[in-house]
Protein backbone atom coordinates (compact mmCIF):
# COMPACT_ATOMS: atom_id res chain seq x y z
CA UNK A 1 -87.59 -47.68 23.13
CA UNK A 2 -84.85 -44.68 24.00
CA UNK A 3 -84.04 -42.79 20.92
CA UNK A 4 -81.32 -40.72 22.85
CA UNK A 5 -79.72 -44.00 24.29
CA UNK A 6 -76.31 -44.51 23.01
CA UNK A 7 -75.50 -47.18 20.51
CA UNK A 8 -73.85 -50.56 21.45
CA UNK A 9 -70.67 -50.69 20.31
CA UNK A 10 -69.41 -53.49 18.71
CA UNK A 11 -67.08 -55.85 20.18
CA UNK A 12 -64.01 -55.15 17.91
CA UNK A 13 -64.54 -51.58 18.34
CA UNK A 14 -64.64 -51.52 22.23
CA UNK A 15 -61.71 -53.72 22.43
CA UNK A 16 -59.58 -51.40 20.02
CA UNK A 17 -60.88 -48.73 22.62
CA UNK A 18 -60.08 -50.52 25.50
CA UNK A 19 -63.43 -50.72 26.85
CA UNK A 20 -64.73 -54.24 26.66
CA UNK A 21 -65.04 -57.02 29.46
CA UNK A 22 -62.07 -58.51 30.23
CA UNK A 23 -62.78 -62.58 29.63
CA UNK A 24 -63.41 -64.54 32.93
CA UNK A 25 -61.67 -67.84 31.81
CA UNK A 26 -59.08 -68.57 29.97
CA UNK A 27 -54.82 -68.31 30.38
CA UNK A 28 -54.83 -64.97 31.38
CA UNK A 29 -51.67 -64.19 32.28
CA UNK A 30 -50.28 -65.91 29.04
CA UNK A 31 -52.71 -64.61 26.90
CA UNK A 32 -54.02 -61.40 25.86
CA UNK A 33 -55.53 -59.27 23.22
CA UNK A 34 -52.20 -57.33 22.89
CA UNK A 35 -50.60 -60.64 22.22
CA UNK A 36 -52.62 -62.24 19.69
CA UNK A 37 -53.03 -58.97 17.63
CA UNK A 38 -49.06 -58.78 17.61
CA UNK A 39 -48.83 -62.32 16.51
CA UNK A 40 -51.65 -61.61 13.67
CA UNK A 41 -49.94 -58.46 12.71
CA UNK A 42 -46.65 -61.10 12.35
CA UNK A 43 -48.14 -63.28 10.67
CA UNK A 44 -49.90 -60.87 8.07
CA UNK A 45 -46.39 -59.14 7.16
CA UNK A 46 -44.23 -62.68 6.46
CA UNK A 47 -47.07 -64.31 4.52
CA UNK A 48 -50.06 -61.84 3.80
CA UNK A 49 -53.48 -61.39 4.99
CA UNK A 50 -55.00 -65.03 3.65
CA UNK A 51 -52.30 -66.56 6.07
CA UNK A 52 -54.22 -65.05 9.18
CA UNK A 53 -56.62 -67.46 10.70
CA UNK A 54 -57.96 -67.83 14.13
CA UNK A 55 -56.12 -71.51 14.21
CA UNK A 56 -52.80 -70.00 12.55
CA UNK A 57 -52.93 -67.39 15.09
CA UNK A 58 -53.49 -69.64 17.92
CA UNK A 59 -50.45 -72.17 16.96
CA UNK A 60 -48.20 -69.67 16.69
CA UNK A 61 -49.05 -68.42 20.32
CA UNK A 62 -49.20 -72.05 21.61
CA UNK A 63 -52.80 -72.09 22.26
CA UNK A 64 -55.82 -73.75 21.03
CA UNK A 65 -58.23 -71.31 18.89
CA UNK A 66 -61.02 -71.62 21.69
CA UNK A 67 -58.73 -69.97 23.86
CA UNK A 68 -58.26 -67.24 21.14
CA UNK A 69 -62.24 -66.92 20.98
CA UNK A 70 -62.62 -65.81 24.63
CA UNK A 71 -60.73 -62.83 24.08
CA UNK A 72 -61.35 -62.16 20.27
CA UNK A 73 -65.04 -63.49 19.62
CA UNK A 74 -64.96 -62.81 15.95
CA UNK A 75 -61.92 -62.93 12.69
CA UNK A 76 -63.51 -59.65 11.42
CA UNK A 77 -62.87 -57.79 15.23
CA UNK A 78 -59.07 -59.31 14.86
CA UNK A 79 -58.85 -57.71 11.68
CA UNK A 80 -60.00 -54.28 12.79
CA UNK A 81 -57.46 -55.02 15.76
CA UNK A 82 -54.75 -55.65 13.34
CA UNK A 83 -55.56 -52.44 11.12
CA UNK A 84 -55.87 -50.19 14.18
CA UNK A 85 -52.06 -51.84 15.74
CA UNK A 86 -50.15 -51.43 12.17
CA UNK A 87 -51.97 -47.88 11.92
CA UNK A 88 -50.45 -46.81 14.72
CA UNK A 89 -50.18 -42.87 15.90
CA UNK A 90 -49.17 -40.37 13.38
CA UNK A 91 -45.84 -38.62 13.95
CA UNK A 92 -45.36 -35.60 16.06
CA UNK A 93 -43.64 -34.20 13.19
CA UNK A 94 -47.17 -33.66 11.24
CA UNK A 95 -48.64 -31.09 13.62
CA UNK A 96 -45.29 -29.54 13.99
CA UNK A 97 -44.56 -28.49 10.48
CA UNK A 98 -45.41 -24.98 9.23
CA UNK A 99 -47.93 -24.45 7.47
CA UNK A 100 -51.11 -26.81 6.15
CA UNK A 101 -49.56 -27.61 2.89
CA UNK A 102 -46.18 -28.86 4.66
CA UNK A 103 -48.15 -30.88 7.20
CA UNK A 104 -50.32 -32.25 4.50
CA UNK A 105 -47.66 -33.70 2.39
CA UNK A 106 -45.58 -35.23 5.43
CA UNK A 107 -49.14 -36.62 6.21
CA UNK A 108 -49.40 -38.14 2.75
CA UNK A 109 -45.91 -39.47 3.01
CA UNK A 110 -46.34 -41.42 6.30
CA UNK A 111 -49.97 -42.99 5.02
CA UNK A 112 -47.77 -44.77 2.26
CA UNK A 113 -45.13 -45.97 4.46
CA UNK A 114 -47.85 -47.78 6.61
CA UNK A 115 -48.82 -49.82 3.09
CA UNK A 116 -45.25 -50.39 2.30
CA UNK A 117 -44.50 -51.72 5.70
CA UNK A 118 -48.10 -53.40 6.10
CA UNK A 119 -49.39 -54.29 2.17
CA UNK A 120 -51.89 -56.62 3.61
CA UNK A 121 -53.37 -53.51 4.98
CA UNK A 122 -54.43 -52.91 1.33
CA UNK A 123 -56.66 -56.14 1.03
CA UNK A 124 -58.66 -55.42 3.94
CA UNK A 125 -62.34 -55.22 3.27
CA UNK A 126 -63.76 -51.41 3.42
CA UNK A 127 -67.45 -51.51 5.39
CA UNK A 128 -67.07 -48.08 6.97
CA UNK A 129 -65.30 -45.59 8.14
CA UNK A 130 -62.57 -47.51 11.16
CA UNK A 131 -63.85 -45.93 14.35
CA UNK A 132 -60.91 -46.74 16.40
CA UNK A 133 -58.41 -44.42 18.00
CA UNK A 134 -55.55 -44.56 15.91
CA UNK A 135 -57.45 -44.20 13.12
CA UNK A 136 -59.07 -40.89 14.90
CA UNK A 137 -55.89 -39.60 15.62
CA UNK A 138 -54.90 -39.86 11.80
CA UNK A 139 -57.81 -38.01 10.71
CA UNK A 140 -57.56 -35.79 13.42
CA UNK A 141 -54.11 -34.74 12.31
CA UNK A 142 -55.11 -34.31 8.82
CA UNK A 143 -58.23 -32.00 10.14
CA UNK A 144 -55.81 -29.87 12.32
CA UNK A 145 -53.34 -29.64 9.57
CA UNK A 146 -56.39 -27.24 7.74
CA UNK A 147 -57.81 -26.13 10.61
CA UNK A 148 -56.66 -22.47 10.50
CA UNK A 149 -57.56 -22.27 6.71
CA UNK A 150 -60.67 -20.50 5.55
CA UNK A 151 -61.77 -24.18 4.41
CA UNK A 152 -65.14 -25.32 6.04
CA UNK A 153 -65.41 -28.26 7.68
CA UNK A 154 -66.78 -30.44 4.93
CA UNK A 155 -64.10 -29.20 2.98
CA UNK A 156 -61.44 -29.98 5.23
CA UNK A 157 -62.84 -33.62 5.56
CA UNK A 158 -62.93 -33.46 1.51
CA UNK A 159 -58.96 -32.59 1.61
CA UNK A 160 -58.20 -34.91 3.87
CA UNK A 161 -60.29 -38.10 2.58
CA UNK A 162 -58.81 -36.70 -1.17
CA UNK A 163 -54.87 -37.03 0.03
CA UNK A 164 -56.07 -40.39 1.95
CA UNK A 165 -57.40 -41.90 -1.41
CA UNK A 166 -53.91 -40.87 -3.06
CA UNK A 167 -51.72 -42.30 -0.51
CA UNK A 168 -54.10 -45.57 -0.29
CA UNK A 169 -53.53 -45.55 -4.59
CA UNK A 170 -49.80 -45.19 -4.51
CA UNK A 171 -49.27 -47.81 -1.42
CA UNK A 172 -51.35 -50.41 -3.60
CA UNK A 173 -49.16 -49.86 -6.65
CA UNK A 174 -45.64 -49.84 -4.92
CA UNK A 175 -47.04 -52.59 -2.88
CA UNK A 176 -47.84 -54.50 -6.01
CA UNK A 177 -44.55 -54.10 -7.69
CA UNK A 178 -42.73 -55.04 -4.85
CA UNK A 179 -44.64 -58.48 -4.07
CA UNK A 180 -44.03 -58.67 -8.16
CA UNK A 181 -40.21 -58.40 -7.17
CA UNK A 182 -40.41 -60.97 -4.34
CA UNK A 183 -42.25 -63.80 -6.51
CA UNK A 184 -39.90 -63.09 -9.13
CA UNK A 185 -36.71 -62.33 -7.75
CA UNK A 186 -36.26 -59.96 -9.61
CA UNK A 187 -35.38 -56.42 -8.32
CA UNK A 188 -36.99 -53.47 -8.60
CA UNK A 189 -35.21 -52.04 -11.61
CA UNK A 190 -35.48 -55.26 -13.56
CA UNK A 191 -39.41 -55.38 -12.37
CA UNK A 192 -39.75 -51.68 -13.92
CA UNK A 193 -37.48 -52.75 -17.29
CA UNK A 194 -39.59 -55.73 -18.00
CA UNK A 195 -42.77 -53.86 -18.01
CA UNK A 196 -41.52 -51.25 -20.12
CA UNK A 197 -40.11 -54.00 -22.66
CA UNK A 198 -43.68 -55.27 -22.57
CA UNK A 199 -44.96 -52.15 -23.25
CA UNK A 200 -42.98 -51.37 -26.36
CA UNK A 201 -43.58 -54.57 -27.82
CA UNK A 202 -47.38 -54.55 -27.57
CA UNK A 203 -48.29 -51.04 -28.03
CA UNK A 204 -48.80 -49.60 -31.36
CA UNK A 205 -48.66 -46.62 -32.33
CA UNK A 206 -51.89 -47.31 -35.12
CA UNK A 207 -53.52 -48.76 -32.07
CA UNK A 208 -52.55 -46.56 -29.47
CA UNK A 209 -50.96 -43.52 -30.82
CA UNK A 210 -50.71 -41.24 -27.61
CA UNK A 211 -49.99 -44.40 -25.15
CA UNK A 212 -47.25 -45.05 -27.98
CA UNK A 213 -45.72 -41.57 -27.96
CA UNK A 214 -45.51 -42.46 -23.59
CA UNK A 215 -44.13 -45.25 -24.25
CA UNK A 216 -41.49 -43.72 -26.78
CA UNK A 217 -40.70 -41.29 -24.23
CA UNK A 218 -39.50 -43.64 -21.69
CA UNK A 219 -41.87 -42.74 -19.43
CA UNK A 220 -42.47 -46.43 -18.10
CA UNK A 221 -38.81 -46.81 -17.17
CA UNK A 222 -38.70 -43.40 -15.59
CA UNK A 223 -37.90 -43.43 -12.05
CA UNK A 224 -40.38 -40.22 -11.27
CA UNK A 225 -43.34 -40.22 -9.01
CA UNK A 226 -46.54 -39.99 -10.87
CA UNK A 227 -48.22 -39.97 -7.82
CA UNK A 228 -46.48 -37.20 -6.18
CA UNK A 229 -46.98 -35.05 -9.16
CA UNK A 230 -50.65 -35.85 -8.98
CA UNK A 231 -50.79 -34.89 -5.55
CA UNK A 232 -48.63 -31.86 -5.84
CA UNK A 233 -51.25 -30.65 -8.36
CA UNK A 234 -53.85 -31.40 -5.77
CA UNK A 235 -52.51 -29.46 -3.14
CA UNK A 236 -51.80 -26.28 -5.69
CA UNK A 237 -55.75 -26.30 -6.45
CA UNK A 238 -56.38 -26.49 -2.77
CA UNK A 239 -54.25 -23.72 -2.40
CA UNK A 240 -56.11 -21.59 -4.50
CA UNK A 241 -59.14 -22.19 -3.38
CA UNK A 242 -57.65 -21.21 0.44
CA UNK A 243 -56.28 -17.93 -0.98
CA UNK A 244 -59.59 -17.20 -3.05
CA UNK A 245 -61.51 -17.83 0.25
CA UNK A 246 -59.49 -15.55 2.12
CA UNK A 247 -59.86 -13.00 -0.26
CA UNK A 248 -63.49 -13.24 -0.27
CA UNK A 249 -64.75 -15.58 -2.54
CA UNK A 250 -67.68 -17.87 -1.96
CA UNK A 251 -67.55 -21.06 -0.77
CA UNK A 252 -67.69 -24.19 -3.91
CA UNK A 253 -71.17 -25.62 -4.37
CA UNK A 254 -72.25 -28.99 -2.78
CA UNK A 255 -71.66 -31.91 -4.84
CA UNK A 256 -73.60 -35.35 -4.93
CA UNK A 257 -71.90 -38.74 -4.69
CA UNK A 258 -71.58 -40.60 -8.18
CA UNK A 259 -74.22 -43.13 -8.19
CA UNK A 260 -75.12 -46.60 -10.31
CA UNK A 261 -77.41 -46.00 -13.49
CA UNK A 262 -81.21 -45.95 -11.97
CA UNK A 263 -81.55 -48.65 -14.64
CA UNK A 264 -78.83 -51.02 -13.46
CA UNK A 265 -79.89 -50.38 -9.61
CA UNK A 266 -83.62 -51.47 -10.94
CA UNK A 267 -82.17 -54.85 -12.40
CA UNK A 268 -83.58 -54.13 -15.56
CA UNK A 269 -83.18 -56.67 -17.91
CA UNK A 270 -83.86 -54.94 -21.19
CA UNK A 271 -80.70 -52.72 -19.81
CA UNK A 272 -78.73 -55.65 -19.27
CA UNK A 273 -79.00 -56.76 -22.36
CA UNK A 274 -78.76 -53.25 -24.14
CA UNK A 275 -75.06 -53.14 -22.45
CA UNK A 276 -74.27 -56.89 -23.63
CA UNK A 277 -75.33 -55.52 -26.94
CA UNK A 278 -72.85 -52.39 -26.86
CA UNK A 279 -70.11 -54.55 -25.32
CA UNK A 280 -70.26 -56.96 -28.40
CA UNK A 281 -70.51 -53.79 -30.53
CA UNK A 282 -67.11 -52.27 -28.89
CA UNK A 283 -65.52 -55.70 -29.95
CA UNK A 284 -66.45 -55.28 -33.26
CA UNK A 285 -65.75 -51.97 -33.80
CA UNK A 286 -62.11 -52.84 -32.18
CA UNK A 287 -61.84 -55.90 -34.46
CA UNK A 288 -63.14 -53.83 -37.68
CA UNK A 289 -61.16 -50.98 -37.02
CA UNK A 290 -57.61 -53.44 -36.46
CA UNK A 291 -58.34 -55.16 -39.81
CA UNK A 292 -58.73 -51.29 -41.23
CA UNK A 293 -54.91 -50.49 -40.17
CA UNK A 294 -53.74 -53.68 -41.22
CA UNK A 295 -55.21 -52.94 -44.93
CA UNK A 296 -53.71 -49.42 -44.76
CA UNK A 297 -50.34 -50.92 -43.89
CA UNK A 298 -50.67 -53.54 -46.71
CA UNK A 299 -51.77 -50.78 -49.09
CA UNK A 300 -48.80 -48.61 -48.49
CA UNK A 301 -46.32 -51.51 -48.58
CA UNK A 302 -47.82 -52.55 -52.21
CA UNK A 303 -47.20 -48.59 -53.24
CA UNK A 304 -44.20 -48.09 -52.01
CA UNK A 305 -42.66 -51.40 -53.84
CA UNK A 306 -44.56 -50.22 -57.00
CA UNK A 307 -43.35 -46.80 -56.59
CA UNK A 308 -39.70 -48.40 -55.88
CA UNK A 309 -40.15 -50.67 -59.27
CA UNK A 310 -41.14 -48.05 -61.41
C-alpha cells in the first residue's frame, strides 16, 4: 500500500468540489445535482430539515427517488451539499474592511445572517470540518483578516473558531425565538414579554437572589444584544494579545482539549453509582433549603404579627 497516496474523496465532498463522475443514466437534461440541492434547500427553508427526504425532494421535482440516487447516492451527501449551497461565499466587504477587527465583526454578522436565513443549518450534525469550497472560503476569509497580525497560525485559527462558535450560538438562540414566534403567532416582542413574565413569576429572591436582581433590572425584557457584548469583549482580549505580541511578549502556552473524566471513559460502574448518589444528594439539598427558606419566612411573619400585636 502506498502511504503517500491521496485519500479517496467521499462522494459528497467530491460533488461539492465538482470532481465526481456524472451519472451515466437517468434524466440528464431535466435533472442535475444543482436542481436536487436547490429543491432540498427550498423544502428545508419552508418546512425544516425534518421535511427533507430523498422521496420528498424527488416528489418536489416530479421524479422518482431512484432518479435522485443516480446523482446523489446518500442523504448524508445531500445534507452536505445543502449546507454548502446555503452557506454561499463570504461577501467581498469582509476582505475590503480596514483592520482585522472590522473584518471579523463583519464575518460574525454575516455568519449570524446565514443561520437566520436557513435555521435548519443549526440542526445538521457536526461530524468534522466541512471540507467544501464555500466553507473553506469562509474560513480562509477569517484567517486572511488576521494574517497581518503577529498571531501564529494556530492562534489565528483559534480566534476564527471562537467567532464561528459565537455566531452559531447567537443564531441558535435567535432562530429558536423566531420559531417560537412562528408557532405561537406572537410577535417577537410578545415572546420576549411572555418569557420575562415567567422569570418574574418563578424566580424568587430567596432561591435565586442574583438571578432575581437581573430580573428586577429588566434584563430579560431588554432589546440589547448580549451576544454582541460578549463578542466585543472577546475581541478586546484578542486585541490586547496582538498589541502585547507586537511589543515583544511571548505567545500564550498551548492548551489541551477538555476531556471526559477517565472513570467515565472507562465505564466504571462505581463511578456511575457515585454520580447518581451525588445527584440525589443535590436534589435532597435543594429540597431541604427550600423548606428552610419557607420556615424562615413563616418565622418572620409570626414575629412581625407578634410585634404588631404588642
